[in-house]
Amino acid sequence: MAIAHGSMGRQRWAWALGALLVAAPACGDDGGAAGDTSNDDGGTSPTGDSGSANLPEGCDLAVNPSDDDQTAVQEAFVDVMEGQTICLGAGNFTFTRQLTLNANGVTLRGAGPTDTLLDFSEQISGGNGVLITGDDVTVEDLQVLNTPGDGIRADNVDNIAFLNVHVVWEAEASLENGAYGLYPVQSNGVTIQNSVVQGARDAGIYVGQSTAILVEDSEAFGNVAGIEIENSTDAIVRGNHAHDNTAGLLVFNLPGLEVIDGKRANLYDNVIEDNNVPNFGESGTVVALVPHGIGVLILAADNNEVADNVITGNVSAAVVVIAYVDDLFAPPDDPTFDIYAEGNFIHDNTMENNGEDPAELILAVTELTVPSPDIVYGGCFDEAKDNSDGSLTNCVSDNGEADFISVNLCGQGMIEREDTAYVCEHDPLPRDL
């Protein structure tokens, strides 16, 4: 074997058997066995021992591109022990099946996102390029390219970090691209820094059903949704550049998920501009309903803050805050789901040159207003709730010359073109986790 750790042999055989079972033909799968170890020339270090002279500094296992990248990299993922680092060398790695990393406390490190390329263009099985199910994992300094499914998914983990990671689909606005680029879900402790996602047919940087989230200094462009925080609590989204997507930053609560009460996303110091790409999302998904030209969209989510951002050049609106209403979305299948967006605070943003050519839906709800206002509020509120203290009001303040409209989606009043009833403040959210 290219990598040997003594007792690791039984683990490899167990993994290989599991891979064969998972890869059995189903749903059009051709039955290829991911991680077949029959050809073991995989370009790894001779022993995988941290003292090997062949290992780069700081690496416990090292893999370079070879004739069988699938076997070599997956073997390293199986053999790595807690606290160790797998280094992927410079060059192009090619894969036909999903890679799976189950170990805890592992760092997966490339030579840089323009130097270490993980190319999944010929992938034939697996829903992701890389699936991570171990806790305390860091992925850094590499690029994932052209996955038919999602780029890198972390599923139900604690403390996942993506640092200087790129996920790219080279085809522009294509339904053949994967849905999500960086995709942590049902996780606690998510960090995404200095990363880039381009071309996702759903969301480039997506964090779902998770808590304690930091997305910063990253770039998302050419996606349907640039950055999306969905059914998640306590997220900080700062210092990012979301541009040339259908919509820039989304904060959603959706029904039908295990976690349905996301709240307290703090979006600040971002540049959100020119998000005018026609929606190329997959029909039947919620994101496919998002009108093009929106900077920030808050849907059915509470107590979020949008502050100190530059929001410019979005042809439908700078910020839209709406409830999950039946006229726009399929009726929720969970009677406990709260459809309302409440207690959000939009303040001290720079909003310029938005609403110049609104999408048809925005035109319809604003009664053909051109340009459409910078801030569009759906006007829905829950009459059964006590808002005597104002905590449920969506507040706006100090957004310069930005204009406002409440469009009365729920038939609870009249269209309001003045923000007088909404000029208020909430306590600011923490700017650190």
Protein backbone atom coordinates (compact mmCIF):
# COMPACT_ATOMS: atom_id res chain seq x y z
CA MET A 1 0.00 0.00 0.00
CA ALA A 2 1.13 3.56 -0.71
CA ILE A 3 0.21 4.64 2.81
CA ALA A 4 0.57 2.30 5.74
CA HIS A 5 -0.22 2.85 9.39
CA GLY A 6 -0.15 -0.73 10.70
CA SER A 7 -3.60 -1.23 12.17
CA MET A 8 -5.15 0.93 9.48
CA GLY A 9 -5.46 -2.07 7.17
CA ARG A 10 -8.74 -3.25 8.69
CA GLN A 11 -10.14 0.27 8.36
CA ARG A 12 -9.24 0.35 4.66
CA TRP A 13 -10.90 -3.00 4.00
CA ALA A 14 -14.03 -1.86 5.87
CA TRP A 15 -14.11 1.33 3.87
CA ALA A 16 -13.58 -0.48 0.57
CA LEU A 17 -16.45 -2.90 1.30
CA GLY A 18 -18.71 0.00 2.25
CA ALA A 19 -17.80 1.86 -0.92
CA LEU A 20 -18.69 -1.16 -3.02
CA LEU A 21 -22.09 -1.40 -1.37
CA VAL A 22 -22.79 2.34 -1.73
CA ALA A 23 -21.76 2.30 -5.37
CA ALA A 24 -24.05 -0.61 -6.32
CA PRO A 25 -26.19 0.35 -9.33
CA ALA A 26 -29.12 2.56 -8.34
CA CYS A 27 -30.81 5.65 -9.77
CA GLY A 28 -28.76 5.43 -12.94
CA ASP A 29 -25.42 4.79 -11.17
CA ASP A 30 -23.10 2.68 -13.27
CA GLY A 31 -22.03 0.67 -10.23
CA GLY A 32 -18.41 1.90 -10.13
CA ALA A 33 -16.80 1.31 -6.75
CA ALA A 34 -15.52 4.57 -5.34
CA GLY A 35 -12.08 4.21 -3.89
CA ASP A 36 -11.14 0.87 -5.50
CA THR A 37 -7.68 0.16 -4.12
CA SER A 38 -6.66 -2.54 -6.59
CA ASN A 39 -4.23 -0.20 -8.36
CA ASP A 40 -2.10 1.47 -5.72
CA ASP A 41 0.37 3.67 -7.54
CA GLY A 42 -1.40 6.77 -6.26
CA GLY A 43 1.45 9.24 -5.81
CA THR A 44 1.29 9.34 -1.99
CA SER A 45 4.32 9.43 0.27
CA PRO A 46 5.91 5.97 0.68
CA THR A 47 4.83 5.54 4.30
CA GLY A 48 2.60 8.46 5.19
CA ASP A 49 4.84 8.84 8.24
CA SER A 50 5.28 12.38 9.49
CA GLY A 51 9.02 11.81 9.72
CA SER A 52 9.42 10.80 6.08
CA ALA A 53 11.95 12.84 4.14
CA ASN A 54 9.51 12.85 1.22
CA LEU A 55 6.81 14.76 3.06
CA PRO A 56 6.47 18.54 2.81
CA GLU A 57 6.80 20.40 6.07
CA GLY A 58 3.61 20.32 8.12
CA CYS A 59 2.15 17.37 6.23
CA ASP A 60 1.39 13.94 7.69
CA LEU A 61 0.22 12.49 4.38
CA ALA A 62 0.92 13.88 0.93
CA VAL A 63 -0.69 13.11 -2.41
CA ASN A 64 0.39 14.39 -5.80
CA PRO A 65 -1.48 14.07 -9.09
CA SER A 66 -1.09 10.63 -10.65
CA ASP A 67 -2.72 8.16 -13.00
CA ASP A 68 -5.20 7.17 -10.27
CA ASP A 69 -6.14 10.22 -8.23
CA GLN A 70 -9.41 8.65 -7.11
CA THR A 71 -7.70 5.81 -5.27
CA ALA A 72 -4.78 7.84 -3.94
CA VAL A 73 -6.81 10.67 -2.44
CA GLN A 74 -9.58 8.48 -1.05
CA GLU A 75 -6.98 6.19 0.57
CA ALA A 76 -5.45 9.23 2.25
CA PHE A 77 -8.91 10.25 3.47
CA VAL A 78 -9.36 6.78 5.00
CA ASP A 79 -5.89 6.47 6.50
CA VAL A 80 -5.59 9.92 8.06
CA MET A 81 -5.74 10.05 11.85
CA GLU A 82 -7.15 12.69 14.13
CA GLY A 83 -5.01 15.80 14.27
CA GLN A 84 -3.19 15.06 11.01
CA THR A 85 -2.84 17.06 7.82
CA ILE A 86 -3.33 15.75 4.29
CA CYS A 87 -1.45 17.81 1.71
CA LEU A 88 -2.52 17.76 -1.92
CA GLY A 89 0.27 18.90 -4.20
CA ALA A 90 0.16 21.36 -7.05
CA GLY A 91 -1.44 20.19 -10.26
CA ASN A 92 -4.71 18.81 -11.59
CA PHE A 93 -6.39 15.91 -9.79
CA THR A 94 -9.21 14.19 -11.67
CA PHE A 95 -12.06 12.23 -10.11
CA THR A 96 -14.99 10.17 -11.28
CA ARG A 97 -16.64 9.60 -7.91
CA GLN A 98 -17.35 11.46 -4.70
CA LEU A 99 -14.58 11.74 -2.11
CA THR A 100 -15.63 11.18 1.50
CA LEU A 101 -13.75 12.34 4.60
CA ASN A 102 -15.05 10.86 7.87
CA ALA A 103 -12.14 11.50 10.24
CA ASN A 104 -12.16 14.14 12.98
CA GLY A 105 -9.62 16.88 13.50
CA VAL A 106 -8.19 16.75 9.98
CA THR A 107 -6.75 19.51 7.82
CA LEU A 108 -7.01 19.09 4.04
CA ARG A 109 -4.52 21.49 2.47
CA GLY A 110 -3.67 22.31 -1.11
CA ALA A 111 -0.87 24.39 -2.57
CA GLY A 112 -3.26 27.25 -3.32
CA PRO A 113 -6.60 27.55 -5.11
CA THR A 114 -4.99 28.32 -8.45
CA ASP A 115 -2.38 25.56 -8.03
CA THR A 116 -4.25 22.56 -6.59
CA LEU A 117 -7.28 21.78 -8.76
CA LEU A 118 -9.74 18.98 -7.93
CA ASP A 119 -11.51 18.41 -11.23
CA PHE A 120 -14.83 16.53 -11.14
CA SER A 121 -15.80 17.17 -14.76
CA GLU A 122 -15.94 13.41 -15.44
CA GLN A 123 -17.70 12.45 -12.19
CA ILE A 124 -20.24 9.65 -12.68
CA SER A 125 -21.47 8.96 -9.12
CA GLY A 126 -21.95 10.70 -5.81
CA GLY A 127 -23.98 13.79 -4.96
CA ASN A 128 -20.98 15.95 -4.03
CA GLY A 129 -17.42 16.48 -5.06
CA VAL A 130 -16.25 16.14 -1.46
CA LEU A 131 -18.43 15.05 1.47
CA ILE A 132 -17.18 15.79 5.00
CA THR A 133 -18.78 14.06 7.98
CA GLY A 134 -15.97 14.47 10.54
CA ASP A 135 -15.80 17.18 13.20
CA ASP A 136 -13.11 19.86 13.49
CA VAL A 137 -12.12 19.70 9.82
CA THR A 138 -10.36 22.49 7.94
CA VAL A 139 -10.19 22.66 4.15
CA GLU A 140 -7.79 25.24 2.75
CA ASP A 141 -5.90 26.46 -0.29
CA LEU A 142 -7.47 24.43 -3.08
CA GLN A 143 -10.06 24.62 -5.85
CA VAL A 144 -12.94 22.27 -6.65
CA LEU A 145 -13.95 22.39 -10.29
CA ASN A 146 -17.06 21.43 -12.28
CA THR A 147 -18.88 19.06 -9.94
CA PRO A 148 -22.17 17.80 -11.40
CA GLY A 149 -23.58 17.91 -7.85
CA ASP A 150 -22.59 20.10 -4.92
CA GLY A 151 -19.00 21.24 -4.48
CA ILE A 152 -17.97 20.55 -0.88
CA ARG A 153 -20.63 19.50 1.60
CA ALA A 154 -20.15 19.25 5.36
CA ASP A 155 -23.04 17.34 6.91
CA ASN A 156 -23.99 17.42 10.60
CA VAL A 157 -20.55 18.35 11.92
CA ASP A 158 -19.04 20.56 14.59
CA ASN A 159 -16.45 23.15 13.59
CA ILE A 160 -15.97 23.10 9.84
CA ALA A 161 -13.71 25.71 8.22
CA PHE A 162 -13.20 26.60 4.56
CA LEU A 163 -10.19 28.90 4.16
CA ASN A 164 -9.09 30.22 0.78
CA VAL A 165 -11.16 27.61 -1.06
CA HIS A 166 -12.56 28.14 -4.55
CA VAL A 167 -15.49 26.25 -6.06
CA VAL A 168 -15.95 26.99 -9.74
CA TRP A 169 -18.22 25.90 -12.56
CA GLU A 170 -16.78 27.05 -15.83
CA ALA A 171 -20.11 26.97 -17.69
CA GLU A 172 -21.93 30.27 -17.35
CA ALA A 173 -25.49 30.24 -15.92
CA SER A 174 -25.98 26.55 -16.67
CA LEU A 175 -28.51 24.13 -15.20
CA GLU A 176 -25.82 21.48 -15.60
CA ASN A 177 -23.83 23.14 -12.81
CA GLY A 178 -24.10 21.88 -9.25
CA ALA A 179 -26.59 23.47 -6.86
CA TYR A 180 -24.28 24.56 -4.03
CA GLY A 181 -20.59 25.47 -3.87
CA LEU A 182 -19.58 25.53 -0.20
CA TYR A 183 -22.39 23.68 1.56
CA PRO A 184 -22.26 23.17 5.34
CA VAL A 185 -25.61 21.95 6.65
CA GLN A 186 -26.94 21.02 10.10
CA SER A 187 -23.61 22.03 11.59
CA ASN A 188 -22.41 24.01 14.58
CA GLY A 189 -19.41 26.29 14.19
CA VAL A 190 -19.02 27.20 10.50
CA THR A 191 -16.21 29.40 9.19
CA ILE A 192 -15.86 30.47 5.56
CA GLN A 193 -13.07 32.94 4.86
CA ASN A 194 -11.29 34.30 1.79
CA SER A 195 -13.16 31.91 -0.48
CA VAL A 196 -14.70 32.23 -3.94
CA VAL A 197 -17.68 30.49 -5.53
CA GLN A 198 -18.72 30.97 -9.13
CA GLY A 199 -21.54 29.44 -11.16
CA ALA A 200 -23.83 27.56 -8.70
CA ARG A 201 -27.33 27.02 -10.04
CA ASP A 202 -28.69 27.59 -6.53
CA ALA A 203 -26.43 29.23 -3.91
CA GLY A 204 -22.70 29.78 -4.16
CA ILE A 205 -21.95 29.99 -0.44
CA TYR A 206 -24.78 28.29 1.44
CA VAL A 207 -25.12 27.63 5.16
CA GLY A 208 -28.27 25.75 6.18
CA GLN A 209 -29.83 24.68 9.49
CA SER A 210 -26.65 25.62 11.32
CA THR A 211 -25.48 27.80 14.22
CA ALA A 212 -22.46 29.97 15.08
CA ILE A 213 -21.54 30.96 11.52
CA LEU A 214 -18.90 33.29 10.10
CA VAL A 215 -18.75 34.12 6.39
CA GLU A 216 -16.20 36.82 5.69
CA ASP A 217 -13.89 38.32 3.07
CA SER A 218 -15.26 36.02 0.38
CA GLU A 219 -16.56 36.52 -3.14
CA ALA A 220 -19.62 35.05 -4.83
CA PHE A 221 -20.50 35.76 -8.43
CA GLY A 222 -22.27 34.12 -11.35
CA ASN A 223 -24.58 32.16 -9.03
CA VAL A 224 -28.34 32.37 -8.60
CA ALA A 225 -27.89 33.29 -4.91
CA GLY A 226 -24.48 34.63 -4.04
CA ILE A 227 -24.50 33.93 -0.28
CA GLU A 228 -27.45 32.29 1.46
CA ILE A 229 -28.08 31.77 5.18
CA GLU A 230 -31.07 29.44 5.50
CA ASN A 231 -32.90 28.28 8.65
CA SER A 232 -29.77 29.16 10.61
CA THR A 233 -29.09 31.10 13.81
CA ASP A 234 -26.34 33.53 14.80
CA ALA A 235 -24.53 34.17 11.54
CA ILE A 236 -22.04 36.94 10.85
CA VAL A 237 -21.70 37.79 7.15
CA ARG A 238 -19.13 40.55 6.74
CA GLY A 239 -16.60 41.96 4.34
CA ASN A 240 -17.84 39.94 1.37
CA HIS A 241 -18.28 40.89 -2.27
CA ALA A 242 -21.49 39.52 -3.80
CA HIS A 243 -21.81 40.63 -7.38
CA ASP A 244 -23.25 39.54 -10.71
CA ASN A 245 -25.56 36.93 -9.22
CA THR A 246 -29.36 36.82 -9.56
CA ALA A 247 -29.52 38.02 -5.93
CA GLY A 248 -26.61 38.93 -3.69
CA LEU A 249 -27.30 37.94 -0.06
CA LEU A 250 -30.28 35.85 1.03
CA VAL A 251 -31.53 35.15 4.56
CA PHE A 252 -34.32 32.57 4.35
CA ASN A 253 -36.53 30.57 6.65
CA LEU A 254 -38.28 27.78 4.76
CA PRO A 255 -40.82 25.17 5.89
CA GLY A 256 -40.37 21.42 5.77
CA LEU A 257 -36.87 21.31 7.28
CA GLU A 258 -35.74 19.85 10.59
CA VAL A 259 -34.69 23.32 11.78
CA ILE A 260 -37.28 25.98 10.98
CA ASP A 261 -36.57 28.96 13.22
CA GLY A 262 -33.43 30.63 11.95
CA LYS A 263 -32.68 34.15 13.19
CA ARG A 264 -30.06 36.76 14.01
CA ALA A 265 -27.97 36.98 10.87
CA ASN A 266 -25.77 40.08 10.96
CA LEU A 267 -24.90 41.29 7.45
CA TYR A 268 -22.47 44.19 7.52
CA ASP A 269 -19.56 45.79 5.65
CA ASN A 270 -20.37 43.88 2.46
CA VAL A 271 -20.31 45.16 -1.10
CA ILE A 272 -23.44 43.93 -2.87
CA GLU A 273 -23.56 45.14 -6.44
CA ASP A 274 -24.89 44.44 -9.94
CA ASN A 275 -26.77 41.28 -9.02
CA ASN A 276 -28.76 41.20 -12.24
CA VAL A 277 -28.12 37.77 -13.77
CA PRO A 278 -31.34 36.19 -15.10
CA ASN A 279 -32.46 33.42 -12.77
CA PHE A 280 -31.21 30.03 -13.99
CA GLY A 281 -32.29 28.05 -10.94
CA GLU A 282 -33.84 24.62 -11.25
CA SER A 283 -37.59 24.76 -11.72
CA GLY A 284 -39.51 23.81 -8.58
CA THR A 285 -36.95 25.18 -6.12
CA VAL A 286 -37.64 28.25 -4.02
CA VAL A 287 -34.54 30.01 -5.30
CA ALA A 288 -35.84 29.69 -8.87
CA LEU A 289 -38.64 32.10 -7.85
CA VAL A 290 -36.26 34.87 -6.80
CA PRO A 291 -36.48 37.86 -9.16
CA HIS A 292 -33.21 39.02 -10.65
CA GLY A 293 -31.75 42.31 -9.54
CA ILE A 294 -32.05 42.07 -5.73
CA GLY A 295 -29.21 42.99 -3.40
CA VAL A 296 -30.48 41.53 -0.09
CA LEU A 297 -33.58 39.34 0.32
CA ILE A 298 -34.95 38.43 3.76
CA LEU A 299 -37.71 35.81 3.65
CA ALA A 300 -39.71 34.81 6.76
CA ALA A 301 -36.65 35.33 8.96
CA ASP A 302 -36.52 37.34 12.18
CA ASN A 303 -34.18 39.68 14.07
CA ASN A 304 -31.62 40.06 11.30
CA GLU A 305 -29.48 43.16 10.85
CA VAL A 306 -28.36 44.71 7.55
CA ALA A 307 -25.93 47.55 8.24
CA ASP A 308 -22.99 49.47 6.80
CA ASN A 309 -23.17 47.74 3.43
CA VAL A 310 -22.70 49.25 0.00
CA ILE A 311 -25.66 48.09 -2.09
CA THR A 312 -25.58 49.43 -5.64
CA GLY A 313 -26.62 48.68 -9.19
CA ASN A 314 -29.22 46.00 -8.42
CA VAL A 315 -31.98 46.61 -10.98
CA SER A 316 -34.96 45.43 -8.89
CA ALA A 317 -34.23 46.61 -5.34
CA ALA A 318 -31.49 47.01 -2.76
CA VAL A 319 -33.29 45.20 0.09
CA VAL A 320 -36.51 43.17 0.06
CA VAL A 321 -38.15 41.92 3.28
CA ILE A 322 -41.15 39.63 2.79
CA ALA A 323 -43.24 36.95 4.44
CA TYR A 324 -43.65 33.44 3.06
CA VAL A 325 -47.02 34.10 1.42
CA ASP A 326 -49.14 31.67 -0.59
CA ASP A 327 -49.35 34.06 -3.53
CA LEU A 328 -45.62 33.65 -4.08
CA PHE A 329 -44.75 30.23 -2.67
CA ALA A 330 -46.33 26.82 -2.21
CA PRO A 331 -48.35 26.69 1.04
CA PRO A 332 -46.15 25.52 3.93
CA ASP A 333 -46.65 21.88 4.89
CA ASP A 334 -45.89 22.57 8.58
CA PRO A 335 -48.62 24.31 10.64
CA THR A 336 -46.00 25.50 13.15
CA PHE A 337 -44.00 27.38 10.52
CA ASP A 338 -44.02 31.14 11.11
CA ILE A 339 -44.40 32.82 7.74
CA TYR A 340 -43.59 36.34 8.92
CA ALA A 341 -40.37 38.35 8.71
CA GLU A 342 -40.18 40.30 11.96
CA GLY A 343 -37.84 42.46 13.99
CA ASN A 344 -35.33 43.07 11.20
CA PHE A 345 -33.14 46.18 11.32
CA ILE A 346 -31.86 47.86 8.14
CA HIS A 347 -29.66 50.87 8.80
CA ASP A 348 -26.64 52.93 7.81
CA ASN A 349 -26.30 51.38 4.37
CA THR A 350 -25.24 53.14 1.18
CA MET A 351 -27.87 52.44 -1.49
CA GLU A 352 -27.42 53.87 -4.96
CA ASN A 353 -28.61 53.19 -8.50
CA ASN A 354 -30.95 50.35 -7.53
CA GLY A 355 -34.38 49.58 -9.02
CA GLU A 356 -33.64 51.02 -12.46
CA ASP A 357 -35.17 48.13 -14.43
CA PRO A 358 -37.28 46.02 -12.05
CA ALA A 359 -38.15 42.38 -12.67
CA GLU A 360 -41.81 41.72 -13.48
CA LEU A 361 -42.66 40.49 -9.97
CA ILE A 362 -41.20 43.60 -8.36
CA LEU A 363 -43.06 45.75 -10.86
CA ALA A 364 -46.30 43.97 -10.02
CA VAL A 365 -46.06 44.35 -6.25
CA THR A 366 -44.92 47.98 -6.41
CA GLU A 367 -47.71 48.89 -8.86
CA LEU A 368 -45.39 49.56 -11.78
CA THR A 369 -43.11 51.93 -9.90
CA VAL A 370 -39.98 52.70 -11.92
CA PRO A 371 -37.43 53.02 -10.57
CA SER A 372 -38.57 50.74 -7.79
CA PRO A 373 -37.72 51.86 -4.24
CA ASP A 374 -34.46 50.76 -2.67
CA ILE A 375 -36.23 49.07 0.26
CA VAL A 376 -39.30 46.94 -0.46
CA TYR A 377 -41.25 45.61 2.52
CA GLY A 378 -44.06 43.11 2.02
CA GLY A 379 -46.26 44.73 4.64
CA CYS A 380 -47.34 41.47 6.32
CA PHE A 381 -47.69 41.12 10.08
CA ASP A 382 -49.22 38.61 12.47
CA GLU A 383 -52.30 40.21 13.99
CA ALA A 384 -52.35 37.59 16.78
CA LYS A 385 -49.01 38.74 18.19
CA ASP A 386 -48.52 41.53 20.69
CA ASN A 387 -46.20 44.15 19.21
CA SER A 388 -46.85 46.83 21.80
CA ASP A 389 -43.11 47.11 22.48
CA GLY A 390 -42.24 47.36 18.78
CA SER A 391 -39.96 44.34 18.85
CA LEU A 392 -41.68 42.78 15.84
CA THR A 393 -41.50 45.86 13.65
CA ASN A 394 -39.08 45.83 10.74
CA CYS A 395 -37.05 48.98 11.33
CA VAL A 396 -35.23 51.19 8.84
CA SER A 397 -33.03 54.16 9.64
CA ASP A 398 -30.16 56.27 8.33
CA ASN A 399 -29.90 54.78 4.85
CA GLY A 400 -29.09 58.09 3.20
CA GLU A 401 -31.34 58.93 0.25
CA ALA A 402 -32.77 55.41 -0.01
CA ASP A 403 -36.49 55.31 -0.65
CA PHE A 404 -39.04 52.85 0.74
CA ILE A 405 -42.29 51.11 -0.03
CA SER A 406 -44.56 48.77 1.92
CA VAL A 407 -46.48 46.81 -0.71
CA ASN A 408 -49.22 45.15 1.34
CA LEU A 409 -48.79 41.57 0.10
CA CYS A 410 -51.13 40.25 2.79
CA GLY A 411 -54.00 42.70 2.28
CA GLN A 412 -53.62 44.22 5.74
CA GLY A 413 -53.51 47.84 4.76
CA MET A 414 -52.60 50.17 1.93
CA ILE A 415 -49.43 50.61 -0.03
CA GLU A 416 -47.20 53.03 1.87
CA ARG A 417 -44.49 55.01 0.14
CA GLU A 418 -43.21 56.68 3.26
CA ASP A 419 -41.17 54.86 5.88
CA THR A 420 -42.55 56.90 8.78
CA ALA A 421 -44.11 53.91 10.52
CA TYR A 422 -40.86 51.95 10.19
CA VAL A 423 -38.27 54.48 11.31
CA CYS A 424 -37.11 52.84 14.51
CA GLU A 425 -34.19 50.94 15.98
CA HIS A 426 -33.45 47.56 17.48
CA ASP A 427 -30.49 46.62 19.63
CA PRO A 428 -27.57 45.88 17.29
CA LEU A 429 -26.46 42.29 16.96
CA PRO A 430 -22.99 41.21 18.14
CA ARG A 431 -20.25 41.59 15.56
CA ASP A 432 -18.28 38.65 16.89
CA LEU A 433 -19.34 35.08 17.59
